Amino acid sequence: MAGFDYVRTKATAERLIGKFGQSATLRQVTNSGDSWAPTQTATDTTIIVVDLNERMRDSSGTLEGQTRRTLLVSTSAGVTPAKGDKATVGGVQHEVSEVRPLAPGGTVILYEVDLAT
């Protein structure tokens, strides 16, 4: 029995996010040099995202009045988002508060990224 083709699923996710998503910018900052005087380098990468604004509900289903902003991020840009990165969506910059890769079978299909609001 042949295994499931996660590479094909990844290609489908990239195609659909590309079709229905929007461009955003991911800023990643790296430190180099001496630990007591590090040099910070910022790298901006254009990523494709689907912006999900979820209204939070409690366990009974009642709206709490809060929203959680989650992005579905395509893997097509070749970068891995991380907590603390900055994502600019619609001209507004947000800090990445959590990253959850969807990676069945060890193949990352997409990233779910929560933004601090």
PDB file of N, CA and C in Angstrom:
ATOM      1  N   MET A   1       0.847  -1.179   0.000  1.00  0.00           N
ATOM      2  CA  MET A   1       0.000   0.000   0.000  1.00  0.00           C
ATOM      3  C   MET A   1       0.893   1.242   0.000  1.00  0.00           C
ATOM      4  N   ALA A   2       0.627   2.140  -0.911  1.00  0.00           N
ATOM      5  CA  ALA A   2       1.406   3.376  -1.019  1.00  0.00           C
ATOM      6  C   ALA A   2       0.953   4.361   0.054  1.00  0.00           C
ATOM      7  N   GLY A   3       1.902   5.195   0.538  1.00  0.00           N
ATOM      8  CA  GLY A   3       1.593   6.207   1.542  1.00  0.00           C
ATOM      9  C   GLY A   3       0.892   7.402   0.916  1.00  0.00           C
ATOM     10  N   PHE A   4       0.364   8.234   1.762  1.00  0.00           N
ATOM     11  CA  PHE A   4      -0.322   9.437   1.309  1.00  0.00           C
ATOM     12  C   PHE A   4       0.690  10.428   0.752  1.00  0.00           C
ATOM     13  N   ASP A   5       0.342  11.129  -0.307  1.00  0.00           N
ATOM     14  CA  ASP A   5       1.241  12.067  -0.976  1.00  0.00           C
ATOM     15  C   ASP A   5       1.100  13.468  -0.367  1.00  0.00           C
ATOM     16  N   TYR A   6       1.865  13.734   0.709  1.00  0.00           N
ATOM     17  CA  TYR A   6       1.798  15.034   1.373  1.00  0.00           C
ATOM     18  C   TYR A   6       2.429  16.137   0.529  1.00  0.00           C
ATOM     19  N   VAL A   7       3.345  15.810  -0.340  1.00  0.00           N
ATOM     20  CA  VAL A   7       3.959  16.816  -1.215  1.00  0.00           C
ATOM     21  C   VAL A   7       2.893  17.392  -2.146  1.00  0.00           C
ATOM     22  N   ARG A   8       2.023  16.537  -2.638  1.00  0.00           N
ATOM     23  CA  ARG A   8       0.935  17.006  -3.504  1.00  0.00           C
ATOM     24  C   ARG A   8      -0.050  17.875  -2.715  1.00  0.00           C
ATOM     25  N   THR A   9      -0.323  17.477  -1.473  1.00  0.00           N
ATOM     26  CA  THR A   9      -1.206  18.267  -0.607  1.00  0.00           C
ATOM     27  C   THR A   9      -0.600  19.636  -0.324  1.00  0.00           C
ATOM     28  N   LYS A  10       0.717  19.676  -0.103  1.00  0.00           N
ATOM     29  CA  LYS A  10       1.415  20.950   0.111  1.00  0.00           C
ATOM     30  C   LYS A  10       1.277  21.844  -1.115  1.00  0.00           C
ATOM     31  N   ALA A  11       1.439  21.288  -2.307  1.00  0.00           N
ATOM     32  CA  ALA A  11       1.305  22.062  -3.542  1.00  0.00           C
ATOM     33  C   ALA A  11      -0.117  22.608  -3.687  1.00  0.00           C
ATOM     34  N   THR A  12      -1.108  21.806  -3.303  1.00  0.00           N
ATOM     35  CA  THR A  12      -2.497  22.259  -3.362  1.00  0.00           C
ATOM     36  C   THR A  12      -2.733  23.410  -2.387  1.00  0.00           C
ATOM     37  N   ALA A  13      -2.195  23.294  -1.171  1.00  0.00           N
ATOM     38  CA  ALA A  13      -2.346  24.368  -0.180  1.00  0.00           C
ATOM     39  C   ALA A  13      -1.686  25.649  -0.680  1.00  0.00           C
ATOM     40  N   GLU A  14      -0.484  25.545  -1.249  1.00  0.00           N
ATOM     41  CA  GLU A  14       0.198  26.729  -1.785  1.00  0.00           C
ATOM     42  C   GLU A  14      -0.627  27.376  -2.893  1.00  0.00           C
ATOM     43  N   ARG A  15      -1.205  26.561  -3.763  1.00  0.00           N
ATOM     44  CA  ARG A  15      -2.002  27.083  -4.872  1.00  0.00           C
ATOM     45  C   ARG A  15      -3.257  27.794  -4.359  1.00  0.00           C
ATOM     46  N   LEU A  16      -3.960  27.186  -3.400  1.00  0.00           N
ATOM     47  CA  LEU A  16      -5.200  27.779  -2.893  1.00  0.00           C
ATOM     48  C   LEU A  16      -4.937  29.046  -2.073  1.00  0.00           C
ATOM     49  N   ILE A  17      -3.903  29.030  -1.230  1.00  0.00           N
ATOM     50  CA  ILE A  17      -3.572  30.238  -0.469  1.00  0.00           C
ATOM     51  C   ILE A  17      -3.139  31.337  -1.435  1.00  0.00           C
ATOM     52  N   GLY A  18      -2.399  30.981  -2.476  1.00  0.00           N
ATOM     53  CA  GLY A  18      -2.000  31.961  -3.485  1.00  0.00           C
ATOM     54  C   GLY A  18      -3.187  32.556  -4.217  1.00  0.00           C
ATOM     55  N   LYS A  19      -4.199  31.739  -4.469  1.00  0.00           N
ATOM     56  CA  LYS A  19      -5.382  32.198  -5.208  1.00  0.00           C
ATOM     57  C   LYS A  19      -6.297  33.070  -4.346  1.00  0.00           C
ATOM     58  N   PHE A  20      -6.503  32.664  -3.096  1.00  0.00           N
ATOM     59  CA  PHE A  20      -7.478  33.345  -2.247  1.00  0.00           C
ATOM     60  C   PHE A  20      -6.847  34.244  -1.179  1.00  0.00           C
ATOM     61  N   GLY A  21      -5.526  34.225  -1.077  1.00  0.00           N
ATOM     62  CA  GLY A  21      -4.851  34.995  -0.037  1.00  0.00           C
ATOM     63  C   GLY A  21      -4.420  36.365  -0.496  1.00  0.00           C
ATOM     64  N   GLN A  22      -3.587  36.986   0.323  1.00  0.00           N
ATOM     65  CA  GLN A  22      -3.061  38.318   0.048  1.00  0.00           C
ATOM     66  C   GLN A  22      -1.592  38.350   0.441  1.00  0.00           C
ATOM     67  N   SER A  23      -0.893  39.332  -0.079  1.00  0.00           N
ATOM     68  CA  SER A  23       0.520  39.497   0.264  1.00  0.00           C
ATOM     69  C   SER A  23       0.646  40.146   1.634  1.00  0.00           C
ATOM     70  N   ALA A  24       1.654  39.731   2.358  1.00  0.00           N
ATOM     71  CA  ALA A  24       2.008  40.317   3.646  1.00  0.00           C
ATOM     72  C   ALA A  24       3.530  40.304   3.728  1.00  0.00           C
ATOM     73  N   THR A  25       4.066  40.972   4.720  1.00  0.00           N
ATOM     74  CA  THR A  25       5.514  41.006   4.899  1.00  0.00           C
ATOM     75  C   THR A  25       5.864  40.397   6.247  1.00  0.00           C
ATOM     76  N   LEU A  26       6.821  39.487   6.238  1.00  0.00           N
ATOM     77  CA  LEU A  26       7.326  38.887   7.470  1.00  0.00           C
ATOM     78  C   LEU A  26       8.717  39.445   7.724  1.00  0.00           C
ATOM     79  N   ARG A  27       8.898  40.089   8.886  1.00  0.00           N
ATOM     80  CA  ARG A  27      10.208  40.636   9.266  1.00  0.00           C
ATOM     81  C   ARG A  27      10.809  39.745  10.345  1.00  0.00           C
ATOM     82  N   GLN A  28      11.976  39.197  10.022  1.00  0.00           N
ATOM     83  CA  GLN A  28      12.707  38.363  10.960  1.00  0.00           C
ATOM     84  C   GLN A  28      14.016  39.056  11.310  1.00  0.00           C
ATOM     85  N   VAL A  29      14.305  39.143  12.598  1.00  0.00           N
ATOM     86  CA  VAL A  29      15.512  39.806  13.082  1.00  0.00           C
ATOM     87  C   VAL A  29      16.465  38.747  13.621  1.00  0.00           C
ATOM     88  N   THR A  30      17.720  38.806  13.167  1.00  0.00           N
ATOM     89  CA  THR A  30      18.743  37.883  13.656  1.00  0.00           C
ATOM     90  C   THR A  30      19.855  38.686  14.319  1.00  0.00           C
ATOM     91  N   ASN A  31      20.466  38.074  15.320  1.00  0.00           N
ATOM     92  CA  ASN A  31      21.588  38.686  16.025  1.00  0.00           C
ATOM     93  C   ASN A  31      22.872  37.990  15.607  1.00  0.00           C
ATOM     94  N   SER A  32      23.930  38.765  15.425  1.00  0.00           N
ATOM     95  CA  SER A  32      25.235  38.191  15.104  1.00  0.00           C
ATOM     96  C   SER A  32      26.306  39.017  15.806  1.00  0.00           C
ATOM     97  N   GLY A  33      27.502  38.518  15.803  1.00  0.00           N
ATOM     98  CA  GLY A  33      28.606  39.230  16.436  1.00  0.00           C
ATOM     99  C   GLY A  33      28.722  38.871  17.896  1.00  0.00           C
ATOM    100  N   ASP A  34      29.346  39.751  18.651  1.00  0.00           N
ATOM    101  CA  ASP A  34      29.587  39.529  20.067  1.00  0.00           C
ATOM    102  C   ASP A  34      28.283  39.516  20.850  1.00  0.00           C
ATOM    103  N   SER A  35      28.195  38.650  21.852  1.00  0.00           N
ATOM    104  CA  SER A  35      26.973  38.559  22.640  1.00  0.00           C
ATOM    105  C   SER A  35      26.745  39.809  23.483  1.00  0.00           C
ATOM    106  N   TRP A  36      27.807  40.553  23.827  1.00  0.00           N
ATOM    107  CA  TRP A  36      27.655  41.768  24.625  1.00  0.00           C
ATOM    108  C   TRP A  36      27.360  42.991  23.758  1.00  0.00           C
ATOM    109  N   ALA A  37      27.578  42.881  22.457  1.00  0.00           N
ATOM    110  CA  ALA A  37      27.258  43.978  21.535  1.00  0.00           C
ATOM    111  C   ALA A  37      26.818  43.380  20.198  1.00  0.00           C
ATOM    112  N   PRO A  38      25.654  42.712  20.196  1.00  0.00           N
ATOM    113  CA  PRO A  38      25.240  42.039  18.967  1.00  0.00           C
ATOM    114  C   PRO A  38      24.819  43.026  17.872  1.00  0.00           C
ATOM    115  N   THR A  39      24.975  42.579  16.662  1.00  0.00           N
ATOM    116  CA  THR A  39      24.502  43.326  15.504  1.00  0.00           C
ATOM    117  C   THR A  39      23.191  42.690  15.061  1.00  0.00           C
ATOM    118  N   GLN A  40      22.154  43.507  14.980  1.00  0.00           N
ATOM    119  CA  GLN A  40      20.854  42.992  14.551  1.00  0.00           C
ATOM    120  C   GLN A  40      20.660  43.257  13.069  1.00  0.00           C
ATOM    121  N   THR A  41      20.197  42.222  12.382  1.00  0.00           N
ATOM    122  CA  THR A  41      19.913  42.326  10.959  1.00  0.00           C
ATOM    123  C   THR A  41      18.456  41.929  10.735  1.00  0.00           C
ATOM    124  N   ALA A  42      17.697  42.806  10.092  1.00  0.00           N
ATOM    125  CA  ALA A  42      16.294  42.519   9.786  1.00  0.00           C
ATOM    126  C   ALA A  42      16.184  42.075   8.338  1.00  0.00           C
ATOM    127  N   THR A  43      15.432  41.006   8.137  1.00  0.00           N
ATOM    128  CA  THR A  43      15.178  40.497   6.796  1.00  0.00           C
ATOM    129  C   THR A  43      13.677  40.497   6.561  1.00  0.00           C
ATOM    130  N   ASP A  44      13.241  41.195   5.512  1.00  0.00           N
ATOM    131  CA  ASP A  44      11.827  41.228   5.144  1.00  0.00           C
ATOM    132  C   ASP A  44      11.584  40.262   3.990  1.00  0.00           C
ATOM    133  N   THR A  45      10.541  39.448   4.131  1.00  0.00           N
ATOM    134  CA  THR A  45      10.166  38.493   3.105  1.00  0.00           C
ATOM    135  C   THR A  45       8.686  38.658   2.797  1.00  0.00           C
ATOM    136  N   THR A  46       8.337  38.687   1.527  1.00  0.00           N
ATOM    137  CA  THR A  46       6.927  38.728   1.139  1.00  0.00           C
ATOM    138  C   THR A  46       6.363  37.315   1.255  1.00  0.00           C
ATOM    139  N   ILE A  47       5.281  37.205   2.002  1.00  0.00           N
ATOM    140  CA  ILE A  47       4.609  35.920   2.187  1.00  0.00           C
ATOM    141  C   ILE A  47       3.166  36.059   1.711  1.00  0.00           C
ATOM    142  N   ILE A  48       2.541  34.942   1.446  1.00  0.00           N
ATOM    143  CA  ILE A  48       1.131  34.916   1.045  1.00  0.00           C
ATOM    144  C   ILE A  48       0.341  34.323   2.206  1.00  0.00           C
ATOM    145  N   VAL A  49      -0.724  35.030   2.606  1.00  0.00           N
ATOM    146  CA  VAL A  49      -1.496  34.621   3.777  1.00  0.00           C
ATOM    147  C   VAL A  49      -2.991  34.687   3.498  1.00  0.00           C
ATOM    148  N   VAL A  50      -3.732  33.901   4.246  1.00  0.00           N
ATOM    149  CA  VAL A  50      -5.177  34.055   4.341  1.00  0.00           C
ATOM    150  C   VAL A  50      -5.428  34.548   5.751  1.00  0.00           C
ATOM    151  N   ASP A  51      -6.052  35.710   5.871  1.00  0.00           N
ATOM    152  CA  ASP A  51      -6.271  36.368   7.155  1.00  0.00           C
ATOM    153  C   ASP A  51      -7.607  35.904   7.740  1.00  0.00           C
ATOM    154  N   LEU A  52      -7.540  35.257   8.899  1.00  0.00           N
ATOM    155  CA  LEU A  52      -8.740  34.795   9.586  1.00  0.00           C
ATOM    156  C   LEU A  52      -8.926  35.633  10.840  1.00  0.00           C
ATOM    157  N   ASN A  53      -9.990  36.365  10.916  1.00  0.00           N
ATOM    158  CA  ASN A  53     -10.334  37.081  12.142  1.00  0.00           C
ATOM    159  C   ASN A  53     -11.424  36.276  12.816  1.00  0.00           C
ATOM    160  N   GLU A  54     -11.078  35.618  13.918  1.00  0.00           N
ATOM    161  CA  GLU A  54     -12.041  34.782  14.618  1.00  0.00           C
ATOM    162  C   GLU A  54     -12.598  35.531  15.815  1.00  0.00           C
ATOM    163  N   ARG A  55     -13.872  35.439  15.991  1.00  0.00           N
ATOM    164  CA  ARG A  55     -14.488  35.992  17.176  1.00  0.00           C
ATOM    165  C   ARG A  55     -14.478  34.910  18.238  1.00  0.00           C
ATOM    166  N   MET A  56     -13.924  35.244  19.404  1.00  0.00           N
ATOM    167  CA  MET A  56     -13.763  34.273  20.476  1.00  0.00           C
ATOM    168  C   MET A  56     -15.105  33.971  21.132  1.00  0.00           C
ATOM    169  N   ARG A  57     -15.309  32.698  21.427  1.00  0.00           N
ATOM    170  CA  ARG A  57     -16.522  32.248  22.118  1.00  0.00           C
ATOM    171  C   ARG A  57     -16.124  31.467  23.362  1.00  0.00           C
ATOM    172  N   ASP A  58     -16.961  31.535  24.378  1.00  0.00           N
ATOM    173  CA  ASP A  58     -16.694  30.724  25.560  1.00  0.00           C
ATOM    174  C   ASP A  58     -17.248  29.327  25.336  1.00  0.00           C
ATOM    175  N   SER A  59     -17.145  28.460  26.325  1.00  0.00           N
ATOM    176  CA  SER A  59     -17.543  27.056  26.142  1.00  0.00           C
ATOM    177  C   SER A  59     -19.026  26.890  25.853  1.00  0.00           C
ATOM    178  N   SER A  60     -19.867  27.858  26.239  1.00  0.00           N
ATOM    179  CA  SER A  60     -21.301  27.770  25.960  1.00  0.00           C
ATOM    180  C   SER A  60     -21.645  28.303  24.576  1.00  0.00           C
ATOM    181  N   GLY A  61     -20.660  28.882  23.872  1.00  0.00           N
ATOM    182  CA  GLY A  61     -20.904  29.399  22.540  1.00  0.00           C
ATOM    183  C   GLY A  61     -21.186  30.887  22.492  1.00  0.00           C
ATOM    184  N   THR A  62     -21.176  31.547  23.639  1.00  0.00           N
ATOM    185  CA  THR A  62     -21.449  32.977  23.710  1.00  0.00           C
ATOM    186  C   THR A  62     -20.222  33.765  23.283  1.00  0.00           C
ATOM    187  N   LEU A  63     -20.432  34.798  22.465  1.00  0.00           N
ATOM    188  CA  LEU A  63     -19.317  35.655  22.043  1.00  0.00           C
ATOM    189  C   LEU A  63     -18.717  36.370  23.247  1.00  0.00           C
ATOM    190  N   GLU A  64     -17.374  36.406  23.311  1.00  0.00           N
ATOM    191  CA  GLU A  64     -16.680  37.059  24.415  1.00  0.00           C
ATOM    192  C   GLU A  64     -16.334  38.506  24.119  1.00  0.00           C
ATOM    193  N   GLY A  65     -16.495  38.969  22.912  1.00  0.00           N
ATOM    194  CA  GLY A  65     -16.137  40.332  22.577  1.00  0.00           C
ATOM    195  C   GLY A  65     -14.679  40.491  22.204  1.00  0.00           C
ATOM    196  N   GLN A  66     -13.969  39.390  22.058  1.00  0.00           N
ATOM    197  CA  GLN A  66     -12.570  39.435  21.659  1.00  0.00           C
ATOM    198  C   GLN A  66     -12.426  38.762  20.305  1.00  0.00           C
ATOM    199  N   THR A  67     -11.387  39.146  19.598  1.00  0.00           N
ATOM    200  CA  THR A  67     -11.075  38.469  18.346  1.00  0.00           C
ATOM    201  C   THR A  67      -9.650  37.947  18.425  1.00  0.00           C
ATOM    202  N   ARG A  68      -9.403  36.887  17.713  1.00  0.00           N
ATOM    203  CA  ARG A  68      -8.057  36.346  17.584  1.00  0.00           C
ATOM    204  C   ARG A  68      -7.720  36.421  16.112  1.00  0.00           C
ATOM    205  N   ARG A  69      -6.599  37.022  15.799  1.00  0.00           N
ATOM    206  CA  ARG A  69      -6.192  37.156  14.407  1.00  0.00           C
ATOM    207  C   ARG A  69      -5.204  36.044  14.086  1.00  0.00           C
ATOM    208  N   THR A  70      -5.618  35.185  13.192  1.00  0.00           N
ATOM    209  CA  THR A  70      -4.798  34.058  12.776  1.00  0.00           C
ATOM    210  C   THR A  70      -4.570  34.151  11.278  1.00  0.00           C
ATOM    211  N   LEU A  71      -3.343  33.894  10.863  1.00  0.00           N
ATOM    212  CA  LEU A  71      -3.000  33.849   9.452  1.00  0.00           C
ATOM    213  C   LEU A  71      -2.694  32.416   9.062  1.00  0.00           C
ATOM    214  N   LEU A  72      -3.199  31.994   7.917  1.00  0.00           N
ATOM    215  CA  LEU A  72      -2.740  30.757   7.291  1.00  0.00           C
ATOM    216  C   LEU A  72      -1.643  31.184   6.333  1.00  0.00           C
ATOM    217  N   VAL A  73      -0.422  30.736   6.576  1.00  0.00           N
ATOM    218  CA  VAL A  73       0.741  31.193   5.824  1.00  0.00           C
ATOM    219  C   VAL A  73       1.214  30.092   4.892  1.00  0.00           C
ATOM    220  N   SER A  74       1.334  30.427   3.625  1.00  0.00           N
ATOM    221  CA  SER A  74       1.835  29.492   2.626  1.00  0.00           C
ATOM    222  C   SER A  74       3.323  29.226   2.847  1.00  0.00           C
ATOM    223  N   THR A  75       3.758  28.044   2.481  1.00  0.00           N
ATOM    224  CA  THR A  75       5.174  27.682   2.565  1.00  0.00           C
ATOM    225  C   THR A  75       5.940  28.106   1.317  1.00  0.00           C
ATOM    226  N   SER A  76       5.264  28.713   0.360  1.00  0.00           N
ATOM    227  CA  SER A  76       5.878  29.019  -0.934  1.00  0.00           C
ATOM    228  C   SER A  76       7.056  29.989  -0.849  1.00  0.00           C
ATOM    229  N   ALA A  77       7.112  30.847   0.179  1.00  0.00           N
ATOM    230  CA  ALA A  77       8.211  31.809   0.305  1.00  0.00           C
ATOM    231  C   ALA A  77       9.485  31.160   0.846  1.00  0.00           C
ATOM    232  N   GLY A  78       9.356  29.963   1.406  1.00  0.00           N
ATOM    233  CA  GLY A  78      10.530  29.254   1.904  1.00  0.00           C
ATOM    234  C   GLY A  78      11.046  29.733   3.245  1.00  0.00           C
ATOM    235  N   VAL A  79      10.242  30.475   4.000  1.00  0.00           N
ATOM    236  CA  VAL A  79      10.656  30.923   5.326  1.00  0.00           C
ATOM    237  C   VAL A  79       9.768  30.271   6.381  1.00  0.00           C
ATOM    238  N   THR A  80      10.307  30.141   7.576  1.00  0.00           N
ATOM    239  CA  THR A  80       9.557  29.585   8.692  1.00  0.00           C
ATOM    240  C   THR A  80       9.275  30.704   9.687  1.00  0.00           C
ATOM    241  N   PRO A  81       8.010  31.090   9.860  1.00  0.00           N
ATOM    242  CA  PRO A  81       7.690  32.125  10.838  1.00  0.00           C
ATOM    243  C   PRO A  81       8.042  31.631  12.244  1.00  0.00           C
ATOM    244  N   ALA A  82       8.365  32.581  13.137  1.00  0.00           N
ATOM    245  CA  ALA A  82       8.699  32.240  14.515  1.00  0.00           C
ATOM    246  C   ALA A  82       8.083  33.257  15.463  1.00  0.00           C
ATOM    247  N   LYS A  83       7.871  32.830  16.690  1.00  0.00           N
ATOM    248  CA  LYS A  83       7.358  33.723  17.717  1.00  0.00           C
ATOM    249  C   LYS A  83       8.309  34.909  17.850  1.00  0.00           C
ATOM    250  N   GLY A  84       7.749  36.109  17.905  1.00  0.00           N
ATOM    251  CA  GLY A  84       8.558  37.321  18.008  1.00  0.00           C
ATOM    252  C   GLY A  84       8.820  38.009  16.681  1.00  0.00           C
ATOM    253  N   ASP A  85       8.609  37.298  15.564  1.00  0.00           N
ATOM    254  CA  ASP A  85       8.724  37.942  14.254  1.00  0.00           C
ATOM    255  C   ASP A  85       7.626  38.991  14.135  1.00  0.00           C
ATOM    256  N   LYS A  86       7.743  39.851  13.142  1.00  0.00           N
ATOM    257  CA  LYS A  86       6.725  40.868  12.873  1.00  0.00           C
ATOM    258  C   LYS A  86       6.071  40.555  11.531  1.00  0.00           C
ATOM    259  N   ALA A  87       4.747  40.635  11.496  1.00  0.00           N
ATOM    260  CA  ALA A  87       4.000  40.436  10.253  1.00  0.00           C
ATOM    261  C   ALA A  87       3.225  41.707   9.952  1.00  0.00           C
ATOM    262  N   THR A  88       3.400  42.224   8.743  1.00  0.00           N
ATOM    263  CA  THR A  88       2.668  43.409   8.316  1.00  0.00           C
ATOM    264  C   THR A  88       1.584  42.959   7.350  1.00  0.00           C
ATOM    265  N   VAL A  89       0.344  43.170   7.771  1.00  0.00           N
ATOM    266  CA  VAL A  89      -0.824  42.774   6.979  1.00  0.00           C
ATOM    267  C   VAL A  89      -1.707  44.003   6.814  1.00  0.00           C
ATOM    268  N   GLY A  90      -2.015  44.337   5.577  1.00  0.00           N
ATOM    269  CA  GLY A  90      -2.855  45.510   5.326  1.00  0.00           C
ATOM    270  C   GLY A  90      -2.236  46.797   5.837  1.00  0.00           C
ATOM    271  N   GLY A  91      -0.912  46.876   5.831  1.00  0.00           N
ATOM    272  CA  GLY A  91      -0.218  48.087   6.261  1.00  0.00           C
ATOM    273  C   GLY A  91      -0.025  48.223   7.760  1.00  0.00           C
ATOM    274  N   VAL A  92      -0.497  47.251   8.540  1.00  0.00           N
ATOM    275  CA  VAL A  92      -0.376  47.304   9.999  1.00  0.00           C
ATOM    276  C   VAL A  92       0.545  46.178  10.462  1.00  0.00           C
ATOM    277  N   GLN A  93       1.530  46.545  11.296  1.00  0.00           N
ATOM    278  CA  GLN A  93       2.490  45.552  11.768  1.00  0.00           C
ATOM    279  C   GLN A  93       2.019  44.944  13.093  1.00  0.00           C
ATOM    280  N   HIS A  94       2.126  43.625  13.197  1.00  0.00           N
ATOM    281  CA  HIS A  94       1.751  42.879  14.396  1.00  0.00           C
ATOM    282  C   HIS A  94       2.901  41.966  14.777  1.00  0.00           C
ATOM    283  N   GLU A  95       2.994  41.641  16.052  1.00  0.00           N
ATOM    284  CA  GLU A  95       3.982  40.670  16.504  1.00  0.00           C
ATOM    285  C   GLU A  95       3.382  39.272  16.425  1.00  0.00           C
ATOM    286  N   VAL A  96       4.194  38.318  15.996  1.00  0.00           N
ATOM    287  CA  VAL A  96       3.768  36.920  15.949  1.00  0.00           C
ATOM    288  C   VAL A  96       3.805  36.380  17.376  1.00  0.00           C
ATOM    289  N   SER A  97       2.664  35.892  17.869  1.00  0.00           N
ATOM    290  CA  SER A  97       2.602  35.394  19.238  1.00  0.00           C
ATOM    291  C   SER A  97       2.662  33.874  19.312  1.00  0.00           C
ATOM    292  N   GLU A  98       2.297  33.198  18.230  1.00  0.00           N
ATOM    293  CA  GLU A  98       2.352  31.737  18.230  1.00  0.00           C
ATOM    294  C   GLU A  98       2.391  31.240  16.788  1.00  0.00           C
ATOM    295  N   VAL A  99       3.128  30.143  16.579  1.00  0.00           N
ATOM    296  CA  VAL A  99       3.216  29.517  15.257  1.00  0.00           C
ATOM    297  C   VAL A  99       2.924  28.028  15.426  1.00  0.00           C
ATOM    298  N   ARG A 100       1.969  27.533  14.616  1.00  0.00           N
ATOM    299  CA  ARG A 100       1.636  26.113  14.628  1.00  0.00           C
ATOM    300  C   ARG A 100       1.775  25.557  13.209  1.00  0.00           C
ATOM    301  N   PRO A 101       2.832  24.797  12.948  1.00  0.00           N
ATOM    302  CA  PRO A 101       2.942  24.207  11.617  1.00  0.00           C
ATOM    303  C   PRO A 101       1.948  23.049  11.471  1.00  0.00           C
ATOM    304  N   LEU A 102       1.283  22.993  10.344  1.00  0.00           N
ATOM    305  CA  LEU A 102       0.442  21.844  10.011  1.00  0.00           C
ATOM    306  C   LEU A 102       1.346  20.911   9.215  1.00  0.00           C
ATOM    307  N   ALA A 103       1.798  19.837   9.870  1.00  0.00           N
ATOM    308  CA  ALA A 103       2.839  18.999   9.279  1.00  0.00           C
ATOM    309  C   ALA A 103       2.548  17.510   9.439  1.00  0.00           C
ATOM    310  N   PRO A 104       1.504  17.022   8.782  1.00  0.00           N
ATOM    311  CA  PRO A 104       1.264  15.587   8.851  1.00  0.00           C
ATOM    312  C   PRO A 104       2.334  14.827   8.063  1.00  0.00           C
ATOM    313  N   GLY A 105       2.752  13.704   8.579  1.00  0.00           N
ATOM    314  CA  GLY A 105       3.751  12.912   7.873  1.00  0.00           C
ATOM    315  C   GLY A 105       5.099  13.596   7.757  1.00  0.00           C
ATOM    316  N   GLY A 106       5.355  14.633   8.567  1.00  0.00           N
ATOM    317  CA  GLY A 106       6.634  15.320   8.540  1.00  0.00           C
ATOM    318  C   GLY A 106       6.789  16.358   7.443  1.00  0.00           C
ATOM    319  N   THR A 107       5.756  16.588   6.647  1.00  0.00           N
ATOM    320  CA  THR A 107       5.794  17.596   5.581  1.00  0.00           C
ATOM    321  C   THR A 107       4.960  18.795   6.005  1.00  0.00           C
ATOM    322  N   VAL A 108       5.579  19.974   6.091  1.00  0.00           N
ATOM    323  CA  VAL A 108       4.841  21.180   6.480  1.00  0.00           C
ATOM    324  C   VAL A 108       3.957  21.605   5.310  1.00  0.00           C
ATOM    325  N   ILE A 109       2.648  21.587   5.540  1.00  0.00           N
ATOM    326  CA  ILE A 109       1.665  21.967   4.522  1.00  0.00           C
ATOM    327  C   ILE A 109       1.444  23.478   4.538  1.00  0.00           C
ATOM    328  N   LEU A 110       1.329  24.060   5.736  1.00  0.00           N
ATOM    329  CA  LEU A 110       1.136  25.489   5.934  1.00  0.00           C
ATOM    330  C   LEU A 110       1.430  25.798   7.395  1.00  0.00           C
ATOM    331  N   TYR A 111       1.467  27.082   7.700  1.00  0.00           N
ATOM    332  CA  TYR A 111       1.654  27.521   9.091  1.00  0.00           C
ATOM    333  C   TYR A 111       0.408  28.278   9.542  1.00  0.00           C
ATOM    334  N   GLU A 112      -0.046  27.996  10.740  1.00  0.00           N
ATOM    335  CA  GLU A 112      -1.068  28.806  11.399  1.00  0.00           C
ATOM    336  C   GLU A 112      -0.325  29.761  12.322  1.00  0.00           C
ATOM    337  N   VAL A 113      -0.488  31.049  12.100  1.00  0.00           N
ATOM    338  CA  VAL A 113       0.255  32.059  12.849  1.00  0.00           C
ATOM    339  C   VAL A 113      -0.738  32.967  13.560  1.00  0.00           C
ATOM    340  N   ASP A 114      -0.633  33.023  14.899  1.00  0.00           N
ATOM    341  CA  ASP A 114      -1.458  33.942  15.683  1.00  0.00           C
ATOM    342  C   ASP A 114      -0.703  35.242  15.856  1.00  0.00           C
ATOM    343  N   LEU A 115      -1.420  36.351  15.710  1.00  0.00           N
ATOM    344  CA  LEU A 115      -0.835  37.673  15.859  1.00  0.00           C
ATOM    345  C   LEU A 115      -1.301  38.306  17.156  1.00  0.00           C
ATOM    346  N   ALA A 116      -0.397  39.010  17.821  1.00  0.00           N
ATOM    347  CA  ALA A 116      -0.779  39.777  19.012  1.00  0.00           C
ATOM    348  C   ALA A 116      -1.566  40.989  18.545  1.00  0.00           C
ATOM    349  N   THR A 117      -2.686  41.231  19.183  1.00  0.00           N
ATOM    350  CA  THR A 117      -3.516  42.376  18.779  1.00  0.00           C
ATOM    351  C   THR A 117      -3.509  43.440  19.834  1.00  0.00           C
TER     352      THR A 117
END
